[in-house]
Amino acid sequence: MALRHEQPDRVPRDFRAEEPAWNRLLAHVGYADRERLLRQLGIDVRHLDAQGPAERPVGDGVFQNPWGERYLYQTTPWGPMREDVPGALARAESLADLEAFEWPTPDDRDYSALKQQASQHEAFALVYGFADIWQRPALVRGWEGMFLDMAANPEHVHYLCRKFTDFYLVDYTRAAEATNGRIDLYLLISDLGSQRGPLISLPMFRQFVAPYLGEMARRIHQLGGRVLYHSCGAIGPFIPDLIELGVDVLDPIQPVSADMAPERLKAKYGDRLSFHGGMDMQKLLPFGTPEQVQTEARRYCEILGKGGGYLLGPAHLFQPDVPPENVLAVYSHSALQSLHYERPANSGPWPLSSSHFGSAR
């Protein structure tokens, strides 16, 4: 209902967290059952992905995934966190260097478990994948190299974006086939914004990102799904183009500028676009009080949820520096109960308040 821009009985909820943040939250509630926690929080979405090849060490504590992204793991009290370093093609000098890389194919992925996963979550909306058609190529190439190539070697950028797009066109098609079209949202990713504004100009976006994003959006719609597009940062100038390209839901609506304020987004684009996320991950969630988190959750639900078109969640994955009490407060009954409309029959209890979880331990 929300994605059809109809008023649901309550604002639907999504939950995403880094692995150390999961560990910290589960330690707080006193059990390890993730599905139990998601149900207690009233989360309406489940995330699926096919199984791909494992990462491998390449020396000096650096790991590389099949795409050629390279990263270290930094220690936190709740488990390791990835930190990117220059990718496998950061020193590439020619198109031949890019072509010589051993690129992954969808044949490297195992889709056999998706049907069972989908059937296990019949009552929930399903999100699939992690298709990145510009930012991940930039991580493999290295950000400096990617920006220079856009000016000096545009054919290199198009080669990389084409490689990633072709992979995910097949990947998403196979996922749809494996689940008999059950997937509701397909994730597209490419961060276009910094804290202060766009990372690239609109002409460069239209040259290097839009063609591939539009191609993916058309395929997703052909598969019967909706496009959940993720970009951090201040991306206001790109939103009209994103809508034109077929984006259905914008994530994570990071609150870094006036352009990204929920009031402006709803007023300007609410009839053509749905929104996902919004709970500030940089200041509010790590440093605010549960009461402040509840107030902001209420605000986003009141503004973006009016008439449908909003999925409540964090403005990125929950990070391990967020106190568990604040994670629970995002979804707490006391913050959102006044926003619930007439409850459907047999809907079950509303999600529990954060105070309940203390007794669970």
Protein backbone atom coordinates (compact mmCIF):
# COMPACT_ATOMS: atom_id res chain seq x y z
CA MET A 1 0.00 0.00 0.00
CA ALA A 2 2.77 2.42 0.91
CA LEU A 3 4.52 1.93 -2.43
CA ARG A 4 1.23 2.48 -4.25
CA HIS A 5 0.96 5.79 -2.37
CA GLU A 6 -2.03 4.60 -0.40
CA GLN A 7 -2.37 5.17 3.34
CA PRO A 8 -1.42 1.94 5.17
CA ASP A 9 -2.54 1.09 8.70
CA ARG A 10 0.98 2.06 9.83
CA VAL A 11 4.24 3.16 8.24
CA PRO A 12 6.14 0.05 7.10
CA ARG A 13 9.61 -0.58 8.53
CA ASP A 14 12.94 -1.84 7.26
CA PHE A 15 16.05 -2.82 9.20
CA ARG A 16 19.65 -2.92 7.99
CA ALA A 17 22.78 -3.19 10.12
CA GLU A 18 26.49 -3.83 9.81
CA GLU A 19 27.52 -7.17 11.26
CA PRO A 20 29.16 -5.64 14.39
CA ALA A 21 26.00 -3.59 14.97
CA TRP A 22 23.96 -6.79 14.81
CA ASN A 23 26.33 -8.37 17.34
CA ARG A 24 26.02 -5.44 19.74
CA LEU A 25 22.22 -5.34 19.47
CA LEU A 26 21.77 -9.08 19.99
CA ALA A 27 24.05 -8.97 23.03
CA HIS A 28 21.84 -6.21 24.40
CA VAL A 29 18.55 -8.07 23.96
CA GLY A 30 20.07 -11.31 25.26
CA TYR A 31 19.41 -13.76 22.43
CA ALA A 32 20.90 -14.60 19.02
CA ASP A 33 17.75 -15.18 16.96
CA ARG A 34 17.72 -12.41 14.34
CA GLU A 35 14.32 -13.31 12.95
CA ARG A 36 12.84 -13.10 16.43
CA LEU A 37 14.22 -9.59 16.83
CA LEU A 38 12.97 -8.45 13.42
CA ARG A 39 9.49 -9.70 14.26
CA GLN A 40 9.51 -8.01 17.65
CA LEU A 41 10.48 -4.74 15.99
CA GLY A 42 7.66 -5.10 13.46
CA ILE A 43 10.02 -5.11 10.46
CA ASP A 44 8.08 -5.61 7.22
CA VAL A 45 11.00 -6.30 4.86
CA ARG A 46 13.42 -9.19 4.43
CA HIS A 47 16.65 -9.00 2.40
CA LEU A 48 17.80 -11.77 0.07
CA ASP A 49 20.93 -12.30 -1.99
CA ALA A 50 22.50 -15.16 -3.91
CA GLN A 51 25.65 -16.80 -2.58
CA GLY A 52 28.82 -15.64 -4.34
CA PRO A 53 32.51 -16.58 -4.18
CA ALA A 54 34.44 -15.81 -1.03
CA GLU A 55 36.92 -12.98 -0.64
CA ARG A 56 40.63 -13.80 -0.60
CA PRO A 57 43.67 -12.30 1.12
CA VAL A 58 46.14 -10.43 -1.11
CA GLY A 59 48.78 -9.54 1.52
CA ASP A 60 49.47 -7.00 4.27
CA GLY A 61 46.07 -7.67 5.83
CA VAL A 62 44.23 -6.65 2.66
CA PHE A 63 41.37 -8.71 1.24
CA GLN A 64 39.91 -8.68 -2.27
CA ASN A 65 36.46 -9.73 -3.41
CA PRO A 66 35.73 -11.17 -6.87
CA TRP A 67 35.08 -7.69 -8.30
CA GLY A 68 38.52 -6.45 -7.31
CA GLU A 69 37.47 -4.24 -4.42
CA ARG A 70 40.15 -4.25 -1.74
CA TYR A 71 39.78 -3.52 1.94
CA LEU A 72 41.09 -3.97 5.45
CA TYR A 73 39.16 -5.06 8.50
CA GLN A 74 39.35 -2.63 11.39
CA THR A 75 38.75 -3.95 14.90
CA THR A 76 35.74 -2.84 16.93
CA PRO A 77 34.53 -4.19 20.29
CA TRP A 78 31.71 -5.99 18.46
CA GLY A 79 33.57 -7.39 15.45
CA PRO A 80 35.55 -6.31 12.38
CA MET A 81 34.45 -3.44 10.10
CA ARG A 82 35.52 -3.10 6.47
CA GLU A 83 37.62 -0.09 5.38
CA ASP A 84 38.25 0.30 1.65
CA VAL A 85 41.69 0.80 0.14
CA PRO A 86 42.61 1.34 -3.55
CA GLY A 87 41.17 -1.45 -5.69
CA ALA A 88 42.81 -4.05 -7.89
CA LEU A 89 42.77 -1.76 -10.96
CA ALA A 90 43.97 1.41 -9.26
CA ARG A 91 47.22 1.27 -11.28
CA ALA A 92 45.64 0.34 -14.61
CA GLU A 93 46.95 2.51 -17.43
CA SER A 94 45.07 1.27 -20.47
CA LEU A 95 41.84 -0.28 -21.60
CA ALA A 96 43.79 -3.50 -22.12
CA ASP A 97 44.66 -3.49 -18.40
CA LEU A 98 40.95 -3.35 -17.56
CA GLU A 99 40.08 -6.06 -20.04
CA ALA A 100 42.77 -8.38 -18.67
CA PHE A 101 41.16 -8.53 -15.22
CA GLU A 102 39.42 -11.82 -14.38
CA TRP A 103 35.88 -10.49 -14.12
CA PRO A 104 33.21 -12.47 -12.24
CA THR A 105 30.11 -13.79 -13.98
CA PRO A 106 26.65 -14.70 -12.66
CA ASP A 107 27.64 -18.33 -13.21
CA ASP A 108 29.85 -17.89 -10.13
CA ARG A 109 26.75 -17.38 -7.94
CA ASP A 110 24.42 -19.92 -6.34
CA TYR A 111 20.70 -19.08 -6.59
CA SER A 112 19.43 -22.42 -5.31
CA ALA A 113 18.47 -21.21 -1.82
CA LEU A 114 16.44 -18.19 -2.93
CA LYS A 115 13.17 -20.04 -3.52
CA GLN A 116 13.18 -21.48 0.00
CA GLN A 117 14.16 -18.13 1.52
CA ALA A 118 11.30 -16.43 -0.30
CA SER A 119 8.80 -19.05 0.86
CA GLN A 120 9.99 -18.66 4.46
CA HIS A 121 9.16 -14.95 4.32
CA GLU A 122 5.84 -15.08 2.53
CA ALA A 123 4.32 -12.50 4.88
CA PHE A 124 7.01 -9.89 4.17
CA ALA A 125 8.19 -7.67 1.34
CA LEU A 126 11.43 -8.94 -0.23
CA VAL A 127 14.45 -6.90 -1.30
CA TYR A 128 17.11 -8.50 -3.48
CA GLY A 129 20.64 -7.74 -4.42
CA PHE A 130 23.43 -5.20 -4.35
CA ALA A 131 23.77 -3.93 -7.92
CA ASP A 132 26.23 -1.07 -8.20
CA ILE A 133 26.82 0.34 -11.67
CA TRP A 134 29.19 3.28 -10.96
CA GLN A 135 30.47 3.51 -7.39
CA ARG A 136 31.73 -0.06 -7.13
CA PRO A 137 33.55 0.28 -10.47
CA ALA A 138 35.12 3.41 -8.96
CA LEU A 139 36.24 1.46 -5.90
CA VAL A 140 37.87 -1.15 -8.14
CA ARG A 141 39.48 1.54 -10.30
CA GLY A 142 40.25 3.82 -7.39
CA TRP A 143 38.36 7.10 -6.93
CA GLU A 144 41.18 9.27 -8.30
CA GLY A 145 41.54 7.09 -11.36
CA MET A 146 37.79 7.01 -11.97
CA PHE A 147 37.42 10.80 -11.80
CA LEU A 148 40.42 11.31 -14.08
CA ASP A 149 39.10 8.71 -16.53
CA MET A 150 35.74 10.48 -16.77
CA ALA A 151 37.60 13.49 -18.14
CA ALA A 152 40.48 11.91 -20.03
CA ASN A 153 39.52 8.30 -20.80
CA PRO A 154 35.73 8.05 -20.97
CA GLU A 155 35.90 4.72 -22.77
CA HIS A 156 37.51 3.23 -19.65
CA VAL A 157 34.58 4.32 -17.48
CA HIS A 158 32.03 2.99 -19.93
CA TYR A 159 33.88 -0.33 -20.10
CA LEU A 160 33.73 -0.71 -16.31
CA CYS A 161 30.10 0.37 -15.96
CA ARG A 162 29.13 -1.93 -18.82
CA LYS A 163 30.83 -4.88 -17.12
CA PHE A 164 28.95 -4.35 -13.87
CA THR A 165 25.61 -3.62 -15.56
CA ASP A 166 25.74 -6.72 -17.76
CA PHE A 167 26.46 -8.84 -14.71
CA TYR A 168 23.54 -7.49 -12.71
CA LEU A 169 21.07 -7.63 -15.60
CA VAL A 170 21.59 -11.39 -15.60
CA ASP A 171 21.88 -11.67 -11.81
CA TYR A 172 18.53 -9.97 -11.20
CA THR A 173 16.83 -11.97 -13.94
CA ARG A 174 18.04 -15.23 -12.42
CA ALA A 175 16.91 -14.15 -8.95
CA ALA A 176 13.44 -13.36 -10.28
CA GLU A 177 13.27 -16.74 -12.00
CA ALA A 178 14.47 -18.57 -8.87
CA THR A 179 11.75 -16.96 -6.75
CA ASN A 180 8.98 -17.11 -9.37
CA GLY A 181 8.77 -13.32 -9.46
CA ARG A 182 8.28 -13.01 -5.72
CA ILE A 183 10.83 -10.18 -5.18
CA ASP A 184 9.25 -6.78 -4.54
CA LEU A 185 12.24 -4.43 -4.55
CA TYR A 186 15.60 -4.69 -6.30
CA LEU A 187 18.45 -2.63 -4.89
CA LEU A 188 20.54 -0.35 -7.12
CA ILE A 189 23.50 1.45 -5.59
CA SER A 190 25.81 4.27 -6.60
CA ASP A 191 26.68 7.06 -4.18
CA LEU A 192 26.41 10.35 -6.04
CA GLY A 193 26.68 12.83 -3.19
CA SER A 194 29.09 14.11 -0.60
CA GLN A 195 28.16 15.86 2.63
CA ARG A 196 28.04 19.19 0.81
CA GLY A 197 26.80 18.43 -2.69
CA PRO A 198 27.11 16.17 -5.74
CA LEU A 199 30.29 14.20 -6.37
CA ILE A 200 29.94 14.72 -10.11
CA SER A 201 28.17 17.19 -12.39
CA LEU A 202 24.79 16.53 -13.96
CA PRO A 203 26.35 16.24 -17.46
CA MET A 204 28.79 13.60 -16.19
CA PHE A 205 25.97 11.81 -14.37
CA ARG A 206 23.97 11.73 -17.60
CA GLN A 207 26.97 10.47 -19.55
CA PHE A 208 28.39 7.85 -17.19
CA VAL A 209 25.67 6.79 -14.73
CA ALA A 210 22.21 7.43 -16.16
CA PRO A 211 22.40 5.07 -19.17
CA TYR A 212 23.26 2.08 -16.99
CA LEU A 213 20.91 3.03 -14.18
CA GLY A 214 18.06 3.38 -16.67
CA GLU A 215 18.87 0.04 -18.24
CA MET A 216 18.77 -1.66 -14.86
CA ALA A 217 15.51 0.09 -13.92
CA ARG A 218 13.82 -1.09 -17.12
CA ARG A 219 14.90 -4.67 -16.46
CA ILE A 220 13.67 -4.54 -12.85
CA HIS A 221 10.28 -3.28 -13.99
CA GLN A 222 10.13 -6.02 -16.62
CA LEU A 223 10.72 -8.52 -13.80
CA GLY A 224 7.71 -7.14 -11.93
CA GLY A 225 9.72 -5.37 -9.22
CA ARG A 226 10.33 -1.82 -8.08
CA VAL A 227 13.64 0.03 -8.04
CA LEU A 228 15.09 0.85 -4.61
CA TYR A 229 17.91 3.26 -5.41
CA HIS A 230 20.59 4.00 -2.81
CA SER A 231 22.79 7.07 -2.80
CA CYS A 232 24.22 8.73 0.27
CA GLY A 233 24.87 12.44 0.46
CA ALA A 234 23.33 15.64 -0.85
CA ILE A 235 21.83 14.44 -4.13
CA GLY A 236 18.99 16.92 -4.62
CA PRO A 237 20.05 17.97 -8.16
CA PHE A 238 19.87 14.35 -9.36
CA ILE A 239 16.37 13.49 -8.10
CA PRO A 240 14.37 14.65 -11.16
CA ASP A 241 16.65 12.57 -13.40
CA LEU A 242 16.37 9.57 -11.08
CA ILE A 243 12.59 9.71 -11.30
CA GLU A 244 12.75 9.99 -15.09
CA LEU A 245 15.08 6.96 -15.22
CA GLY A 246 12.57 4.82 -13.34
CA VAL A 247 13.60 4.96 -9.67
CA ASP A 248 10.59 4.09 -7.49
CA VAL A 249 12.05 4.39 -3.97
CA LEU A 250 14.90 6.68 -2.90
CA ASP A 251 17.25 5.57 -0.12
CA PRO A 252 18.65 6.55 2.39
CA ILE A 253 17.56 10.24 2.26
CA GLN A 254 20.58 11.24 4.32
CA PRO A 255 19.74 14.49 6.18
CA VAL A 256 22.82 16.49 5.17
CA SER A 257 21.22 19.53 3.48
CA ALA A 258 18.01 21.50 3.08
CA ASP A 259 17.46 19.71 -0.24
CA MET A 260 17.25 16.40 1.63
CA ALA A 261 14.82 17.55 4.35
CA PRO A 262 11.71 15.36 4.50
CA GLU A 263 9.37 18.35 4.19
CA ARG A 264 10.95 19.41 0.92
CA LEU A 265 11.22 15.91 -0.50
CA LYS A 266 7.57 15.11 0.20
CA ALA A 267 6.28 18.42 -1.13
CA LYS A 268 8.34 18.33 -4.31
CA TYR A 269 8.44 14.64 -5.22
CA GLY A 270 5.98 12.81 -2.97
CA ASP A 271 3.49 12.12 -5.76
CA ARG A 272 6.14 10.49 -7.97
CA LEU A 273 8.62 8.93 -5.57
CA SER A 274 8.64 6.88 -2.38
CA PHE A 275 11.28 7.24 0.32
CA HIS A 276 13.24 4.80 2.47
CA GLY A 277 15.36 5.52 5.55
CA GLY A 278 16.00 8.99 6.92
CA MET A 279 17.04 8.36 10.55
CA ASP A 280 20.31 10.29 10.87
CA MET A 281 23.24 7.93 11.32
CA GLN A 282 25.91 10.57 11.95
CA LYS A 283 24.62 12.61 14.89
CA LEU A 284 21.17 11.56 16.09
CA LEU A 285 21.53 7.79 16.34
CA PRO A 286 25.03 7.56 17.85
CA PHE A 287 24.78 10.61 20.13
CA GLY A 288 21.08 11.34 20.73
CA THR A 289 18.81 10.02 23.44
CA PRO A 290 16.12 7.40 22.82
CA GLU A 291 13.53 10.14 23.32
CA GLN A 292 15.16 12.29 20.62
CA VAL A 293 15.24 9.30 18.28
CA GLN A 294 11.56 8.63 18.91
CA THR A 295 10.71 12.26 18.18
CA GLU A 296 12.57 12.20 14.87
CA ALA A 297 11.01 8.86 13.88
CA ARG A 298 7.59 10.35 14.54
CA ARG A 299 8.48 13.42 12.44
CA TYR A 300 9.58 11.38 9.42
CA CYS A 301 6.54 9.12 9.63
CA GLU A 302 4.16 12.06 9.90
CA ILE A 303 5.71 13.92 6.97
CA LEU A 304 6.84 11.24 4.55
CA GLY A 305 4.24 8.64 5.56
CA LYS A 306 1.22 10.85 4.91
CA GLY A 307 -0.72 9.25 2.07
CA GLY A 308 1.81 6.41 1.85
CA GLY A 309 5.18 6.49 0.12
CA TYR A 310 7.56 5.90 3.05
CA LEU A 311 9.47 3.01 4.64
CA LEU A 312 10.97 3.84 8.03
CA GLY A 313 14.61 2.95 8.58
CA PRO A 314 18.11 4.30 9.18
CA ALA A 315 19.90 6.65 6.78
CA HIS A 316 22.44 3.88 6.13
CA LEU A 317 23.03 0.54 7.79
CA PHE A 318 23.01 0.77 11.59
CA GLN A 319 26.62 1.23 12.66
CA PRO A 320 28.23 -0.35 15.75
CA ASP A 321 28.64 3.02 17.50
CA VAL A 322 24.84 3.37 17.76
CA PRO A 323 23.63 2.45 21.27
CA PRO A 324 21.19 -0.48 21.11
CA GLU A 325 18.60 1.59 22.98
CA ASN A 326 18.58 4.03 20.07
CA VAL A 327 18.18 1.27 17.49
CA LEU A 328 15.14 -0.01 19.39
CA ALA A 329 13.80 3.52 19.78
CA VAL A 330 13.52 3.96 16.00
CA TYR A 331 10.76 1.36 15.99
CA SER A 332 9.34 1.82 19.46
CA HIS A 333 5.61 1.70 20.09
CA SER A 334 5.63 4.88 22.16
CA ALA A 335 7.11 6.91 19.30
CA LEU A 336 4.73 5.71 16.62
CA GLN A 337 1.51 4.56 18.23
CA SER A 338 -0.35 7.80 17.47
CA LEU A 339 0.43 7.36 13.77
CA HIS A 340 -1.33 4.00 13.51
CA TYR A 341 -4.57 4.06 11.64
CA GLU A 342 -7.42 1.59 11.98
CA ARG A 343 -5.88 -1.82 12.54
CA PRO A 344 -6.82 -4.62 10.17
CA ALA A 345 -8.39 -7.74 11.62
CA ASN A 346 -6.00 -10.45 12.85
CA SER A 347 -3.04 -8.10 12.56
CA GLY A 348 -1.51 -9.24 15.82
CA PRO A 349 0.08 -7.02 18.46
CA TRP A 350 1.93 -3.85 17.62
CA PRO A 351 5.73 -4.01 17.95
CA LEU A 352 6.95 -3.82 21.50
CA SER A 353 8.44 -0.76 23.10
CA SER A 354 12.18 -0.68 23.72
CA SER A 355 11.57 -1.17 27.45
CA HIS A 356 10.38 -4.70 26.77
CA PHE A 357 13.81 -5.88 25.69
CA GLY A 358 15.35 -5.37 29.11
CA SER A 359 13.16 -8.14 30.50
CA ALA A 360 14.15 -10.40 27.61
CA ARG A 361 17.64 -10.57 29.07
